[in-house]
Amino acid sequence: MQSTAMRNSLFMEKMNGLLSNKKVAIAAVVMLVTALSMLVMAHAGTGGSSFKSVATRIEGWAQGDLGLAIVAGGLIFGVASMVFTGRGTVLAIVVGGAVALYYGIPVLVSIFAATGGNSVAKTLVVHGAHMAGVL
């Protein structure tokens, strides 16, 4: 019989050999992320009423006056940066951030709703598995 230390050592050697394959490692990470996201979605779908007021407040801030002030300040900074450096990358990043700020929260709410989240997670898993060459 093998000792526990010897079995653990053999197990770790097998896992190191298995995880050295990039496809297997990517598939394992995709499966882990999917499992965790489904756990979070299952928990979020069962009783999220306690955070509804906080979520509504944050969405109101992002799409209201606070979001507009953040976007305006970012645009002023982006235009000033573009004028002084001659490159428009900062301005493009700020415009992308403004779009993400305004439209991002409603998109996230619809993705992680109890009915829509599973189909998104399944699509991501299948696509990730195809990219890793598992399927």
Protein backbone atom coordinates (compact mmCIF):
# COMPACT_ATOMS: atom_id res chain seq x y z
CA MET A 1 0.00 0.00 0.00
CA GLN A 2 1.06 3.53 -0.72
CA SER A 3 1.25 6.15 1.94
CA THR A 4 -0.99 9.18 1.87
CA ALA A 5 1.95 11.45 1.06
CA MET A 6 2.90 9.24 -1.89
CA ARG A 7 -0.67 9.23 -3.23
CA ASN A 8 -0.90 13.01 -2.88
CA SER A 9 2.42 13.39 -4.68
CA LEU A 10 1.27 11.16 -7.55
CA PHE A 11 -2.01 13.02 -7.76
CA MET A 12 -0.23 16.37 -7.92
CA GLU A 13 2.12 15.10 -10.65
CA LYS A 14 -0.87 13.94 -12.72
CA MET A 15 -2.64 17.29 -12.21
CA ASN A 16 0.48 19.24 -13.19
CA GLY A 17 0.80 17.17 -16.35
CA LEU A 18 -2.87 17.61 -17.14
CA LEU A 19 -2.94 21.36 -16.51
CA SER A 20 0.20 21.94 -18.56
CA ASN A 21 -1.99 21.34 -21.62
CA LYS A 22 -3.41 24.78 -22.54
CA LYS A 23 -6.67 23.44 -23.93
CA VAL A 24 -7.44 21.52 -20.78
CA ALA A 25 -6.53 24.49 -18.58
CA ILE A 26 -8.76 26.84 -20.61
CA ALA A 27 -11.63 24.36 -20.50
CA ALA A 28 -11.21 23.97 -16.72
CA VAL A 29 -11.24 27.74 -16.19
CA VAL A 30 -14.31 28.14 -18.42
CA MET A 31 -16.14 25.41 -16.52
CA LEU A 32 -15.19 26.92 -13.16
CA VAL A 33 -16.34 30.40 -14.18
CA THR A 34 -19.58 28.96 -15.53
CA ALA A 35 -20.26 27.02 -12.36
CA LEU A 36 -19.60 30.08 -10.22
CA SER A 37 -21.76 32.31 -12.40
CA MET A 38 -24.63 29.84 -12.24
CA LEU A 39 -24.31 29.70 -8.46
CA VAL A 40 -24.38 33.49 -8.29
CA MET A 41 -27.34 33.65 -10.66
CA ALA A 42 -29.23 31.01 -8.68
CA HIS A 43 -28.60 32.96 -5.49
CA ALA A 44 -29.46 36.28 -7.10
CA GLY A 45 -32.67 34.92 -8.56
CA THR A 46 -34.01 33.64 -5.24
CA GLY A 47 -34.15 36.76 -3.13
CA GLY A 48 -32.65 39.94 -4.47
CA SER A 49 -35.33 42.22 -3.05
CA SER A 50 -33.04 43.56 -0.31
CA PHE A 51 -30.66 45.10 -2.87
CA LYS A 52 -33.31 46.36 -5.29
CA SER A 53 -33.32 49.88 -3.82
CA VAL A 54 -29.52 50.09 -3.98
CA ALA A 55 -29.47 48.85 -7.58
CA THR A 56 -32.18 51.33 -8.56
CA ARG A 57 -30.26 54.17 -6.90
CA ILE A 58 -26.99 53.29 -8.67
CA GLU A 59 -28.78 52.99 -12.02
CA GLY A 60 -30.40 56.39 -11.39
CA TRP A 61 -27.01 57.92 -10.62
CA ALA A 62 -25.40 56.45 -13.72
CA GLN A 63 -28.18 57.58 -16.04
CA GLY A 64 -28.98 60.83 -14.22
CA ASP A 65 -27.18 64.00 -13.29
CA LEU A 66 -24.20 62.29 -11.64
CA GLY A 67 -23.54 60.19 -14.74
CA LEU A 68 -23.86 63.28 -16.92
CA ALA A 69 -21.39 65.18 -14.71
CA ILE A 70 -18.90 62.30 -14.87
CA VAL A 71 -19.23 62.09 -18.64
CA ALA A 72 -18.90 65.87 -19.07
CA GLY A 73 -15.80 65.98 -16.88
CA GLY A 74 -14.31 63.05 -18.78
CA LEU A 75 -15.03 64.68 -22.12
CA ILE A 76 -13.38 67.92 -21.01
CA PHE A 77 -10.35 65.95 -19.84
CA GLY A 78 -10.32 63.89 -23.07
CA VAL A 79 -10.50 66.94 -25.34
CA ALA A 80 -7.80 68.74 -23.33
CA SER A 81 -5.59 65.66 -23.49
CA MET A 82 -6.17 65.38 -27.22
CA VAL A 83 -5.27 69.02 -27.76
CA PHE A 84 -2.06 68.82 -25.75
CA THR A 85 -0.84 65.40 -26.92
CA GLY A 86 -2.22 65.33 -30.45
CA ARG A 87 -3.66 61.84 -30.00
CA GLY A 88 -7.33 61.01 -29.69
CA THR A 89 -6.98 57.76 -27.77
CA VAL A 90 -7.93 59.31 -24.43
CA LEU A 91 -10.98 60.90 -26.01
CA ALA A 92 -11.99 57.57 -27.54
CA ILE A 93 -11.60 55.85 -24.18
CA VAL A 94 -13.70 58.51 -22.46
CA VAL A 95 -16.46 58.27 -25.08
CA GLY A 96 -16.41 54.47 -24.72
CA GLY A 97 -16.62 54.85 -20.95
CA ALA A 98 -19.54 57.25 -21.28
CA VAL A 99 -21.43 54.79 -23.46
CA ALA A 100 -20.63 51.97 -21.03
CA LEU A 101 -21.77 54.09 -18.07
CA TYR A 102 -25.11 54.97 -19.63
CA TYR A 103 -25.98 51.70 -21.36
CA GLY A 104 -23.94 49.23 -19.31
CA ILE A 105 -26.14 48.88 -16.25
CA PRO A 106 -29.40 48.10 -18.13
CA VAL A 107 -27.51 45.58 -20.28
CA LEU A 108 -26.04 43.91 -17.19
CA VAL A 109 -29.44 43.83 -15.52
CA SER A 110 -30.97 42.10 -18.54
CA ILE A 111 -28.05 39.65 -18.86
CA PHE A 112 -28.06 38.62 -15.22
CA ALA A 113 -31.81 38.48 -14.80
CA ALA A 114 -32.96 35.09 -13.55
CA THR A 115 -34.43 34.15 -16.93
CA GLY A 116 -31.72 35.44 -19.27
CA GLY A 117 -28.54 34.55 -17.42
CA ASN A 118 -28.58 30.82 -18.05
CA SER A 119 -28.74 31.18 -21.82
CA VAL A 120 -25.86 33.65 -21.77
CA ALA A 121 -23.78 31.36 -19.55
CA LYS A 122 -24.55 28.38 -21.80
CA THR A 123 -23.54 30.36 -24.89
CA LEU A 124 -20.27 31.40 -23.24
CA VAL A 125 -19.50 27.84 -22.17
CA VAL A 126 -20.19 26.36 -25.59
CA HIS A 127 -18.18 29.07 -27.33
CA GLY A 128 -15.30 28.67 -24.86
CA ALA A 129 -15.33 24.91 -25.30
CA HIS A 130 -15.21 25.30 -29.08
CA MET A 131 -12.35 27.79 -28.81
CA ALA A 132 -10.43 25.43 -26.53
CA GLY A 133 -11.01 22.56 -28.94
CA VAL A 134 -12.88 20.50 -26.37
CA LEU A 135 -16.07 20.27 -28.46
